[in-house]
Amino acid sequence: MAAGAQAYAVIVPAAGQCGDLTEESWNSCLGCDCIASSGSCALEVVDYGNAQCTDYKGTYSSGDCCDVFPDGNRWLTGTATLSTDPGCAAAADNLPPTDVHACSLASPSASGCDGAHVCVPPVFASGKACIAMPLGSDCPAPYPLSSVVYDGGTDCVCGCTSSAATCATPYVMNDLDSDSCAHADHQVSLASDCAPLQSSWAFSVPTLSATASCEASSDLPDAVAGHTLCCAP
Protein backbone atom coordinates (compact mmCIF):
# COMPACT_ATOMS: atom_id res chain seq x y z
CA MET A 1 0.00 0.00 0.00
CA ALA A 2 1.39 3.43 -0.90
CA ALA A 3 2.56 5.41 2.12
CA GLY A 4 -0.21 7.71 3.34
CA ALA A 5 -2.94 6.17 1.18
CA GLN A 6 -6.31 6.22 2.89
CA ALA A 7 -7.98 3.79 0.50
CA TYR A 8 -7.67 2.13 -2.86
CA ALA A 9 -10.58 2.71 -5.22
CA VAL A 10 -11.86 2.13 -8.71
CA ILE A 11 -13.50 5.17 -10.28
CA VAL A 12 -16.58 4.25 -12.31
CA PRO A 13 -18.65 6.48 -14.63
CA ALA A 14 -21.97 6.16 -12.78
CA ALA A 15 -23.56 5.03 -9.53
CA GLY A 16 -24.69 1.44 -9.08
CA GLN A 17 -21.66 -0.21 -10.73
CA CYS A 18 -19.77 -1.41 -7.66
CA GLY A 19 -21.28 -4.88 -7.28
CA ASP A 20 -20.26 -6.31 -3.89
CA LEU A 21 -17.82 -3.47 -3.19
CA THR A 22 -18.70 -0.43 -1.10
CA GLU A 23 -19.76 2.56 -3.16
CA GLU A 24 -18.73 6.13 -2.35
CA SER A 25 -19.63 9.40 -4.03
CA TRP A 26 -17.33 12.40 -3.97
CA ASN A 27 -17.62 15.83 -5.50
CA SER A 28 -15.10 17.34 -7.88
CA CYS A 29 -14.59 20.88 -9.13
CA LEU A 30 -13.13 19.80 -12.44
CA GLY A 31 -14.43 21.38 -15.59
CA CYS A 32 -13.57 25.05 -15.36
CA ASP A 33 -10.90 25.90 -17.91
CA CYS A 34 -9.48 29.26 -18.88
CA ILE A 35 -8.08 28.71 -22.33
CA ALA A 36 -5.29 30.83 -23.76
CA SER A 37 -6.79 32.83 -26.61
CA SER A 38 -5.18 34.53 -29.58
CA GLY A 39 -5.06 38.14 -30.68
CA SER A 40 -2.73 39.82 -33.12
CA CYS A 41 0.49 41.79 -33.20
CA ALA A 42 1.56 44.33 -35.82
CA LEU A 43 5.08 43.78 -37.14
CA GLU A 44 7.50 46.51 -38.20
CA VAL A 45 10.52 45.39 -40.21
CA VAL A 46 13.60 47.53 -40.88
CA ASP A 47 15.56 46.63 -44.00
CA TYR A 48 19.36 46.99 -44.21
CA GLY A 49 21.90 46.36 -46.96
CA ASN A 50 24.72 44.99 -44.80
CA ALA A 51 25.32 42.40 -42.07
CA GLN A 52 25.96 45.11 -39.48
CA CYS A 53 22.47 46.56 -40.01
CA THR A 54 23.88 50.06 -40.54
CA ASP A 55 23.02 50.53 -44.25
CA TYR A 56 19.36 51.55 -43.88
CA LYS A 57 17.10 50.76 -46.84
CA GLY A 58 13.55 51.19 -45.55
CA THR A 59 10.88 50.38 -42.96
CA TYR A 60 7.87 48.13 -43.65
CA SER A 61 4.73 47.15 -41.73
CA SER A 62 2.34 44.18 -41.63
CA GLY A 63 0.76 43.71 -45.05
CA ASP A 64 3.63 45.30 -46.98
CA CYS A 65 5.61 43.65 -49.77
CA CYS A 66 9.22 44.80 -50.17
CA ASP A 67 10.92 44.37 -53.57
CA VAL A 68 14.65 43.75 -53.02
CA PHE A 69 15.52 42.47 -56.53
CA PRO A 70 18.18 42.44 -58.05
CA ASP A 71 20.62 42.69 -55.10
CA GLY A 72 18.68 40.01 -53.15
CA ASN A 73 20.69 39.76 -49.96
CA ARG A 74 19.32 41.85 -47.09
CA TRP A 75 19.51 41.97 -43.30
CA LEU A 76 16.42 42.68 -41.22
CA THR A 77 15.26 43.58 -37.74
CA GLY A 78 11.67 43.14 -36.56
CA THR A 79 9.59 44.64 -33.75
CA ALA A 80 6.17 43.26 -32.79
CA THR A 81 3.54 45.42 -31.10
CA LEU A 82 0.27 44.11 -29.66
CA SER A 83 -2.60 45.39 -31.81
CA THR A 84 -5.51 43.16 -30.74
CA ASP A 85 -5.49 42.07 -27.09
CA PRO A 86 -6.44 38.38 -26.86
CA GLY A 87 -7.72 38.65 -23.31
CA CYS A 88 -8.75 35.55 -21.39
CA ALA A 89 -12.05 34.72 -19.71
CA ALA A 90 -13.24 31.90 -17.50
CA ALA A 91 -15.13 29.15 -19.29
CA ALA A 92 -17.64 29.03 -16.43
CA ASP A 93 -18.32 30.47 -12.97
CA ASN A 94 -20.07 29.07 -9.89
CA LEU A 95 -19.98 25.57 -11.31
CA PRO A 96 -22.05 22.85 -9.72
CA PRO A 97 -19.80 20.12 -8.33
CA THR A 98 -19.30 17.06 -10.52
CA ASP A 99 -20.15 13.68 -8.98
CA VAL A 100 -17.27 11.20 -8.79
CA HIS A 101 -18.33 7.61 -8.13
CA ALA A 102 -15.84 5.28 -6.47
CA CYS A 103 -15.88 1.63 -5.47
CA SER A 104 -13.74 0.84 -2.43
CA LEU A 105 -11.46 -2.19 -2.69
CA ALA A 106 -11.04 -5.17 -0.34
CA SER A 107 -9.31 -4.73 3.00
CA PRO A 108 -6.06 -6.66 3.64
CA SER A 109 -7.79 -9.18 5.90
CA ALA A 110 -10.63 -9.82 3.47
CA SER A 111 -8.34 -10.21 0.48
CA GLY A 112 -5.85 -12.58 2.08
CA CYS A 113 -2.87 -10.20 1.82
CA ASP A 114 -0.50 -9.66 4.71
CA GLY A 115 -0.91 -6.60 6.90
CA ALA A 116 1.64 -4.49 4.97
CA HIS A 117 -0.14 -4.63 1.62
CA VAL A 118 -3.54 -4.29 -0.01
CA CYS A 119 -4.56 -6.77 -2.69
CA VAL A 120 -6.10 -4.89 -5.59
CA PRO A 121 -8.68 -6.87 -7.60
CA PRO A 122 -8.79 -6.48 -11.40
CA VAL A 123 -9.89 -3.01 -12.51
CA PHE A 124 -13.37 -2.93 -14.00
CA ALA A 125 -13.36 -2.52 -17.76
CA SER A 126 -15.16 0.82 -17.37
CA GLY A 127 -13.17 2.01 -14.35
CA LYS A 128 -9.83 3.48 -13.39
CA ALA A 129 -7.60 2.38 -10.51
CA CYS A 130 -6.93 5.17 -8.01
CA ILE A 131 -5.86 5.77 -4.43
CA ALA A 132 -7.29 8.39 -2.10
CA MET A 133 -4.59 10.42 -0.32
CA PRO A 134 -4.87 13.19 2.28
CA LEU A 135 -5.80 16.52 0.70
CA GLY A 136 -2.70 18.28 -0.64
CA SER A 137 -0.60 15.10 -0.97
CA ASP A 138 1.78 14.44 -3.84
CA CYS A 139 0.76 11.46 -5.96
CA PRO A 140 3.14 8.47 -5.88
CA ALA A 141 3.95 6.12 -8.74
CA PRO A 142 2.20 4.22 -10.26
CA TYR A 143 -0.70 6.66 -9.65
CA PRO A 144 0.63 9.95 -11.08
CA LEU A 145 -2.64 11.59 -12.24
CA SER A 146 -3.78 14.02 -9.55
CA SER A 147 -7.18 15.59 -8.91
CA VAL A 148 -9.08 16.80 -5.85
CA VAL A 149 -12.38 15.41 -4.62
CA TYR A 150 -14.55 16.59 -1.72
CA ASP A 151 -16.80 14.81 0.75
CA GLY A 152 -19.44 17.52 0.77
CA GLY A 153 -21.08 19.48 -2.02
CA THR A 154 -21.24 23.18 -2.67
CA ASP A 155 -20.88 25.26 -5.78
CA CYS A 156 -17.39 25.43 -7.19
CA VAL A 157 -16.03 28.87 -7.99
CA CYS A 158 -13.65 29.23 -10.91
CA GLY A 159 -11.56 32.33 -11.53
CA CYS A 160 -8.79 33.12 -13.98
CA THR A 161 -5.81 35.43 -13.87
CA SER A 162 -4.54 36.60 -17.23
CA SER A 163 -0.84 37.04 -17.85
CA ALA A 164 0.57 39.59 -20.27
CA ALA A 165 0.00 38.77 -23.92
CA THR A 166 2.98 37.44 -25.87
CA CYS A 167 3.60 38.10 -29.57
CA ALA A 168 4.93 35.33 -31.80
CA THR A 169 8.59 35.55 -32.79
CA PRO A 170 8.87 38.04 -35.67
CA TYR A 171 9.39 36.60 -39.15
CA VAL A 172 8.99 37.55 -42.81
CA MET A 173 7.95 35.46 -45.79
CA ASN A 174 10.69 35.32 -48.42
CA ASP A 175 9.85 35.22 -52.15
CA LEU A 176 12.56 33.48 -54.19
CA ASP A 177 10.74 33.69 -57.54
CA SER A 178 9.01 37.05 -58.00
CA ASP A 179 9.23 40.67 -56.87
CA SER A 180 5.48 40.86 -56.15
CA CYS A 181 5.43 38.49 -53.13
CA ALA A 182 3.22 36.15 -55.16
CA HIS A 183 5.46 33.25 -54.11
CA ALA A 184 6.33 34.42 -50.60
CA ASP A 185 6.31 30.96 -49.03
CA HIS A 186 9.68 30.69 -47.22
CA GLN A 187 9.45 31.75 -43.57
CA VAL A 188 12.57 33.53 -42.28
CA SER A 189 12.82 34.13 -38.52
CA LEU A 190 13.90 37.54 -37.26
CA ALA A 191 14.84 36.18 -33.84
CA SER A 192 18.41 37.48 -34.17
CA ASP A 193 19.22 41.20 -33.90
CA CYS A 194 20.23 41.43 -37.55
CA ALA A 195 18.74 38.46 -39.42
CA PRO A 196 20.05 37.60 -42.90
CA LEU A 197 17.65 37.31 -45.85
CA GLN A 198 19.46 35.47 -48.65
CA SER A 199 18.78 35.30 -52.42
CA SER A 200 15.47 37.12 -52.17
CA TRP A 201 13.40 38.78 -54.87
CA ALA A 202 10.97 40.20 -52.31
CA PHE A 203 9.63 39.62 -48.82
CA SER A 204 6.22 40.14 -47.25
CA VAL A 205 5.55 41.31 -43.69
CA PRO A 206 2.85 39.30 -41.85
CA THR A 207 0.58 40.09 -38.92
CA LEU A 208 1.75 38.00 -35.98
CA SER A 209 -0.36 36.04 -33.53
CA ALA A 210 -0.54 37.06 -29.87
CA THR A 211 -1.37 34.65 -27.05
CA ALA A 212 -2.32 35.30 -23.43
CA SER A 213 -1.92 32.45 -20.96
CA CYS A 214 -4.33 32.17 -18.05
CA GLU A 215 -4.15 30.33 -14.75
CA ALA A 216 -7.43 28.92 -13.48
CA SER A 217 -8.37 28.36 -9.87
CA SER A 218 -11.24 26.22 -8.65
CA ASP A 219 -11.98 26.38 -4.95
CA LEU A 220 -14.28 25.12 -2.23
CA PRO A 221 -14.39 26.46 1.34
CA ASP A 222 -11.66 25.13 3.64
CA ALA A 223 -14.33 23.60 5.86
CA VAL A 224 -15.23 21.02 3.20
CA ALA A 225 -13.16 17.85 3.74
CA GLY A 226 -11.54 16.21 0.79
CA HIS A 227 -8.86 13.97 -0.69
CA THR A 228 -6.21 14.12 -3.33
CA LEU A 229 -7.23 11.42 -5.78
CA CYS A 230 -4.26 9.76 -7.47
CA CYS A 231 -5.02 7.60 -10.50
CA ALA A 232 -3.16 5.30 -12.84
CA PRO A 233 -2.83 6.50 -16.46
Foldseek 3Di string as FASTA:
>chain_A
DPPQFPFKKKWFDDPPPQVPFDKDKWWFQPDKDKDKFKDWKKKKKWKADDQVRPRTDDIDIAPDKFFPPPVFKIWMAMDIGGDTFGDIFIPDFQAWTDMIMITTADDCVVVVHDPVDDDGPDHPPRIFIKTWGFPPDQADPPFHDKGKIFRDTGTKGKGKDKDGKDWDFFWKFFAQDERPCPRRHHIFGNNDRIGMGGNGRMIHGHIIMIIIDMDMDIDDDPVTGITIMTTGD
